Amino acid sequence: ILTYDIACQYHTKLKERFTKCFLEISDIINIINCLVPKMHLDRHIDNCKYQFSLNFFKSAG
């Protein structure tokens, strides 16, 4: 799990960045889940609140 206050935006190009900069470990992106910490989530749009919430992620809530 990777939590970051703008994970909803950051994850969109994460695989591309890892492939470009860290080719030898780029496969790890397939098992990383990007989520937004609870204290930042209230400032996000509703879609982000559900898709990137720790509350709705299995084993993280």
PDB file of N, CA and C in Angstrom:
ATOM      1  N   ILE A   1       0.849  -1.182   0.000  1.00  0.00           N
ATOM      2  CA  ILE A   1       0.000   0.000   0.000  1.00  0.00           C
ATOM      3  C   ILE A   1       0.886   1.233   0.000  1.00  0.00           C
ATOM      4  N   LEU A   2       0.591   2.135  -0.906  1.00  0.00           N
ATOM      5  CA  LEU A   2       1.264   3.427  -0.977  1.00  0.00           C
ATOM      6  C   LEU A   2       0.222   4.492  -0.672  1.00  0.00           C
ATOM      7  N   THR A   3       0.423   5.249   0.394  1.00  0.00           N
ATOM      8  CA  THR A   3      -0.506   6.334   0.694  1.00  0.00           C
ATOM      9  C   THR A   3       0.188   7.661   0.438  1.00  0.00           C
ATOM     10  N   TYR A   4      -0.543   8.543  -0.196  1.00  0.00           N
ATOM     11  CA  TYR A   4      -0.017   9.849  -0.568  1.00  0.00           C
ATOM     12  C   TYR A   4      -1.218  10.773  -0.738  1.00  0.00           C
ATOM     13  N   ASP A   5      -1.073  12.019  -0.354  1.00  0.00           N
ATOM     14  CA  ASP A   5      -2.230  12.921  -0.373  1.00  0.00           C
ATOM     15  C   ASP A   5      -2.816  13.145  -1.760  1.00  0.00           C
ATOM     16  N   ILE A   6      -2.032  12.941  -2.802  1.00  0.00           N
ATOM     17  CA  ILE A   6      -2.563  13.051  -4.165  1.00  0.00           C
ATOM     18  C   ILE A   6      -2.377  11.736  -4.935  1.00  0.00           C
ATOM     19  N   ALA A   7      -2.500  10.626  -4.233  1.00  0.00           N
ATOM     20  CA  ALA A   7      -2.330   9.310  -4.854  1.00  0.00           C
ATOM     21  C   ALA A   7      -3.296   9.090  -6.010  1.00  0.00           C
ATOM     22  N   CYS A   8      -4.467   9.713  -5.940  1.00  0.00           N
ATOM     23  CA  CYS A   8      -5.455   9.567  -7.012  1.00  0.00           C
ATOM     24  C   CYS A   8      -4.921  10.116  -8.337  1.00  0.00           C
ATOM     25  N   GLN A   9      -4.080  11.126  -8.281  1.00  0.00           N
ATOM     26  CA  GLN A   9      -3.464  11.684  -9.485  1.00  0.00           C
ATOM     27  C   GLN A   9      -2.125  11.004  -9.777  1.00  0.00           C
ATOM     28  N   TYR A  10      -1.392  10.711  -8.733  1.00  0.00           N
ATOM     29  CA  TYR A  10      -0.045  10.159  -8.861  1.00  0.00           C
ATOM     30  C   TYR A  10      -0.041   8.776  -9.507  1.00  0.00           C
ATOM     31  N   HIS A  11      -1.034   7.963  -9.215  1.00  0.00           N
ATOM     32  CA  HIS A  11      -1.029   6.589  -9.708  1.00  0.00           C
ATOM     33  C   HIS A  11      -1.225   6.488 -11.218  1.00  0.00           C
ATOM     34  N   THR A  12      -1.771   7.520 -11.848  1.00  0.00           N
ATOM     35  CA  THR A  12      -2.083   7.435 -13.277  1.00  0.00           C
ATOM     36  C   THR A  12      -0.852   7.227 -14.146  1.00  0.00           C
ATOM     37  N   LYS A  13       0.284   7.765 -13.742  1.00  0.00           N
ATOM     38  CA  LYS A  13       1.511   7.593 -14.527  1.00  0.00           C
ATOM     39  C   LYS A  13       2.602   6.855 -13.757  1.00  0.00           C
ATOM     40  N   LEU A  14       2.232   6.222 -12.663  1.00  0.00           N
ATOM     41  CA  LEU A  14       3.214   5.543 -11.826  1.00  0.00           C
ATOM     42  C   LEU A  14       3.920   4.411 -12.566  1.00  0.00           C
ATOM     43  N   LYS A  15       3.162   3.606 -13.288  1.00  0.00           N
ATOM     44  CA  LYS A  15       3.764   2.493 -14.029  1.00  0.00           C
ATOM     45  C   LYS A  15       4.723   3.017 -15.099  1.00  0.00           C
ATOM     46  N   GLU A  16       4.321   4.061 -15.785  1.00  0.00           N
ATOM     47  CA  GLU A  16       5.172   4.669 -16.814  1.00  0.00           C
ATOM     48  C   GLU A  16       6.473   5.190 -16.198  1.00  0.00           C
ATOM     49  N   ARG A  17       6.372   5.855 -15.048  1.00  0.00           N
ATOM     50  CA  ARG A  17       7.561   6.388 -14.375  1.00  0.00           C
ATOM     51  C   ARG A  17       8.500   5.275 -13.925  1.00  0.00           C
ATOM     52  N   PHE A  18       7.927   4.223 -13.345  1.00  0.00           N
ATOM     53  CA  PHE A  18       8.764   3.116 -12.885  1.00  0.00           C
ATOM     54  C   PHE A  18       9.437   2.413 -14.051  1.00  0.00           C
ATOM     55  N   THR A  19       8.729   2.227 -15.143  1.00  0.00           N
ATOM     56  CA  THR A  19       9.303   1.577 -16.313  1.00  0.00           C
ATOM     57  C   THR A  19      10.454   2.396 -16.880  1.00  0.00           C
ATOM     58  N   LYS A  20      10.312   3.697 -16.846  1.00  0.00           N
ATOM     59  CA  LYS A  20      11.345   4.584 -17.371  1.00  0.00           C
ATOM     60  C   LYS A  20      12.554   4.690 -16.434  1.00  0.00           C
ATOM     61  N   CYS A  21      12.301   4.809 -15.143  1.00  0.00           N
ATOM     62  CA  CYS A  21      13.382   5.085 -14.186  1.00  0.00           C
ATOM     63  C   CYS A  21      13.895   3.862 -13.434  1.00  0.00           C
ATOM     64  N   PHE A  22      13.041   2.867 -13.246  1.00  0.00           N
ATOM     65  CA  PHE A  22      13.406   1.697 -12.443  1.00  0.00           C
ATOM     66  C   PHE A  22      12.988   0.417 -13.156  1.00  0.00           C
ATOM     67  N   LEU A  23      13.457   0.230 -14.347  1.00  0.00           N
ATOM     68  CA  LEU A  23      13.023  -0.886 -15.184  1.00  0.00           C
ATOM     69  C   LEU A  23      13.153  -2.237 -14.487  1.00  0.00           C
ATOM     70  N   GLU A  24      14.248  -2.438 -13.754  1.00  0.00           N
ATOM     71  CA  GLU A  24      14.493  -3.739 -13.124  1.00  0.00           C
ATOM     72  C   GLU A  24      13.485  -4.088 -12.024  1.00  0.00           C
ATOM     73  N   ILE A  25      12.802  -3.107 -11.478  1.00  0.00           N
ATOM     74  CA  ILE A  25      11.790  -3.392 -10.454  1.00  0.00           C
ATOM     75  C   ILE A  25      10.397  -2.905 -10.866  1.00  0.00           C
ATOM     76  N   SER A  26      10.207  -2.625 -12.121  1.00  0.00           N
ATOM     77  CA  SER A  26       8.929  -2.065 -12.580  1.00  0.00           C
ATOM     78  C   SER A  26       7.749  -3.021 -12.399  1.00  0.00           C
ATOM     79  N   ASP A  27       7.995  -4.315 -12.285  1.00  0.00           N
ATOM     80  CA  ASP A  27       6.902  -5.273 -12.074  1.00  0.00           C
ATOM     81  C   ASP A  27       6.225  -5.099 -10.721  1.00  0.00           C
ATOM     82  N   ILE A  28       6.907  -4.466  -9.790  1.00  0.00           N
ATOM     83  CA  ILE A  28       6.336  -4.265  -8.457  1.00  0.00           C
ATOM     84  C   ILE A  28       5.082  -3.387  -8.503  1.00  0.00           C
ATOM     85  N   ILE A  29       4.949  -2.585  -9.538  1.00  0.00           N
ATOM     86  CA  ILE A  29       3.782  -1.709  -9.686  1.00  0.00           C
ATOM     87  C   ILE A  29       2.487  -2.516  -9.722  1.00  0.00           C
ATOM     88  N   ASN A  30       2.557  -3.727 -10.215  1.00  0.00           N
ATOM     89  CA  ASN A  30       1.358  -4.567 -10.308  1.00  0.00           C
ATOM     90  C   ASN A  30       0.806  -4.974  -8.944  1.00  0.00           C
ATOM     91  N   ILE A  31       1.609  -4.848  -7.887  1.00  0.00           N
ATOM     92  CA  ILE A  31       1.128  -5.230  -6.560  1.00  0.00           C
ATOM     93  C   ILE A  31       1.005  -4.038  -5.608  1.00  0.00           C
ATOM     94  N   ILE A  32       1.318  -2.840  -6.080  1.00  0.00           N
ATOM     95  CA  ILE A  32       1.195  -1.638  -5.255  1.00  0.00           C
ATOM     96  C   ILE A  32      -0.212  -1.066  -5.400  1.00  0.00           C
ATOM     97  N   ASN A  33      -0.814  -0.748  -4.284  1.00  0.00           N
ATOM     98  CA  ASN A  33      -2.128  -0.102  -4.275  1.00  0.00           C
ATOM     99  C   ASN A  33      -1.963   1.315  -3.751  1.00  0.00           C
ATOM    100  N   CYS A  34      -2.369   2.285  -4.526  1.00  0.00           N
ATOM    101  CA  CYS A  34      -2.258   3.695  -4.146  1.00  0.00           C
ATOM    102  C   CYS A  34      -3.548   4.143  -3.475  1.00  0.00           C
ATOM    103  N   LEU A  35      -3.404   4.702  -2.273  1.00  0.00           N
ATOM    104  CA  LEU A  35      -4.553   5.170  -1.509  1.00  0.00           C
ATOM    105  C   LEU A  35      -4.260   6.543  -0.927  1.00  0.00           C
ATOM    106  N   VAL A  36      -5.316   7.256  -0.577  1.00  0.00           N
ATOM    107  CA  VAL A  36      -5.182   8.596   0.005  1.00  0.00           C
ATOM    108  C   VAL A  36      -5.375   8.483   1.516  1.00  0.00           C
ATOM    109  N   PRO A  37      -4.462   9.051   2.316  1.00  0.00           N
ATOM    110  CA  PRO A  37      -4.630   9.013   3.775  1.00  0.00           C
ATOM    111  C   PRO A  37      -5.942   9.668   4.204  1.00  0.00           C
ATOM    112  N   LYS A  38      -6.493   9.185   5.285  1.00  0.00           N
ATOM    113  CA  LYS A  38      -7.806   9.648   5.745  1.00  0.00           C
ATOM    114  C   LYS A  38      -7.863  11.152   5.991  1.00  0.00           C
ATOM    115  N   MET A  39      -6.796  11.727   6.515  1.00  0.00           N
ATOM    116  CA  MET A  39      -6.837  13.162   6.829  1.00  0.00           C
ATOM    117  C   MET A  39      -6.881  14.047   5.581  1.00  0.00           C
ATOM    118  N   HIS A  40      -6.530  13.510   4.425  1.00  0.00           N
ATOM    119  CA  HIS A  40      -6.557  14.283   3.179  1.00  0.00           C
ATOM    120  C   HIS A  40      -7.797  13.989   2.342  1.00  0.00           C
ATOM    121  N   LEU A  41      -8.462  12.907   2.624  1.00  0.00           N
ATOM    122  CA  LEU A  41      -9.549  12.432   1.772  1.00  0.00           C
ATOM    123  C   LEU A  41     -10.746  13.371   1.710  1.00  0.00           C
ATOM    124  N   ASP A  42     -11.000  14.114   2.767  1.00  0.00           N
ATOM    125  CA  ASP A  42     -12.178  14.992   2.768  1.00  0.00           C
ATOM    126  C   ASP A  42     -12.071  16.141   1.774  1.00  0.00           C
ATOM    127  N   ARG A  43     -10.895  16.419   1.272  1.00  0.00           N
ATOM    128  CA  ARG A  43     -10.688  17.486   0.285  1.00  0.00           C
ATOM    129  C   ARG A  43     -10.802  16.991  -1.161  1.00  0.00           C
ATOM    130  N   HIS A  44     -11.076  15.713  -1.335  1.00  0.00           N
ATOM    131  CA  HIS A  44     -11.139  15.119  -2.670  1.00  0.00           C
ATOM    132  C   HIS A  44     -12.584  14.990  -3.150  1.00  0.00           C
ATOM    133  N   ILE A  45     -12.733  14.808  -4.454  1.00  0.00           N
ATOM    134  CA  ILE A  45     -14.067  14.598  -5.020  1.00  0.00           C
ATOM    135  C   ILE A  45     -14.601  13.231  -4.572  1.00  0.00           C
ATOM    136  N   ASP A  46     -15.891  13.037  -4.676  1.00  0.00           N
ATOM    137  CA  ASP A  46     -16.514  11.807  -4.190  1.00  0.00           C
ATOM    138  C   ASP A  46     -15.909  10.550  -4.802  1.00  0.00           C
ATOM    139  N   ASN A  47     -15.619  10.568  -6.085  1.00  0.00           N
ATOM    140  CA  ASN A  47     -15.048   9.399  -6.741  1.00  0.00           C
ATOM    141  C   ASN A  47     -13.742   8.974  -6.069  1.00  0.00           C
ATOM    142  N   CYS A  48     -12.904   9.935  -5.736  1.00  0.00           N
ATOM    143  CA  CYS A  48     -11.639   9.642  -5.045  1.00  0.00           C
ATOM    144  C   CYS A  48     -11.899   9.069  -3.663  1.00  0.00           C
ATOM    145  N   LYS A  49     -12.891   9.621  -2.994  1.00  0.00           N
ATOM    146  CA  LYS A  49     -13.177   9.193  -1.626  1.00  0.00           C
ATOM    147  C   LYS A  49     -13.494   7.707  -1.554  1.00  0.00           C
ATOM    148  N   TYR A  50     -14.136   7.173  -2.558  1.00  0.00           N
ATOM    149  CA  TYR A  50     -14.480   5.758  -2.548  1.00  0.00           C
ATOM    150  C   TYR A  50     -13.386   4.896  -3.166  1.00  0.00           C
ATOM    151  N   GLN A  51     -12.814   5.350  -4.238  1.00  0.00           N
ATOM    152  CA  GLN A  51     -11.818   4.553  -4.948  1.00  0.00           C
ATOM    153  C   GLN A  51     -10.481   4.478  -4.212  1.00  0.00           C
ATOM    154  N   PHE A  52     -10.101   5.539  -3.499  1.00  0.00           N
ATOM    155  CA  PHE A  52      -8.777   5.595  -2.883  1.00  0.00           C
ATOM    156  C   PHE A  52      -8.811   5.645  -1.355  1.00  0.00           C
ATOM    157  N   SER A  53      -9.922   5.284  -0.762  1.00  0.00           N
ATOM    158  CA  SER A  53     -10.075   5.334   0.690  1.00  0.00           C
ATOM    159  C   SER A  53      -9.522   4.080   1.360  1.00  0.00           C
ATOM    160  N   LEU A  54      -8.802   4.277   2.444  1.00  0.00           N
ATOM    161  CA  LEU A  54      -8.343   3.153   3.259  1.00  0.00           C
ATOM    162  C   LEU A  54      -9.525   2.399   3.861  1.00  0.00           C
ATOM    163  N   ASN A  55     -10.623   3.101   4.083  1.00  0.00           N
ATOM    164  CA  ASN A  55     -11.811   2.478   4.675  1.00  0.00           C
ATOM    165  C   ASN A  55     -12.397   1.372   3.809  1.00  0.00           C
ATOM    166  N   PHE A  56     -12.264   1.485   2.508  1.00  0.00           N
ATOM    167  CA  PHE A  56     -12.865   0.519   1.601  1.00  0.00           C
ATOM    168  C   PHE A  56     -11.863  -0.464   1.014  1.00  0.00           C
ATOM    169  N   PHE A  57     -10.625  -0.406   1.464  1.00  0.00           N
ATOM    170  CA  PHE A  57      -9.599  -1.317   0.949  1.00  0.00           C
ATOM    171  C   PHE A  57      -9.431  -2.482   1.916  1.00  0.00           C
ATOM    172  N   LYS A  58      -9.552  -3.677   1.412  1.00  0.00           N
ATOM    173  CA  LYS A  58      -9.464  -4.871   2.254  1.00  0.00           C
ATOM    174  C   LYS A  58      -8.135  -4.911   3.016  1.00  0.00           C
ATOM    175  N   SER A  59      -8.218  -5.146   4.284  1.00  0.00           N
ATOM    176  CA  SER A  59      -7.060  -5.279   5.191  1.00  0.00           C
ATOM    177  C   SER A  59      -6.342  -3.970   5.478  1.00  0.00           C
ATOM    178  N   ALA A  60      -6.954  -2.841   5.163  1.00  0.00           N
ATOM    179  CA  ALA A  60      -6.291  -1.562   5.429  1.00  0.00           C
ATOM    180  C   ALA A  60      -7.127  -0.628   6.292  1.00  0.00           C
ATOM    181  N   GLY A  61      -8.427  -0.813   6.359  1.00  0.00           N
ATOM    182  CA  GLY A  61      -9.332   0.120   6.991  1.00  0.00           C
ATOM    183  C   GLY A  61      -9.194   0.246   8.458  1.00  0.00           C
TER     184      GLY A  61
END
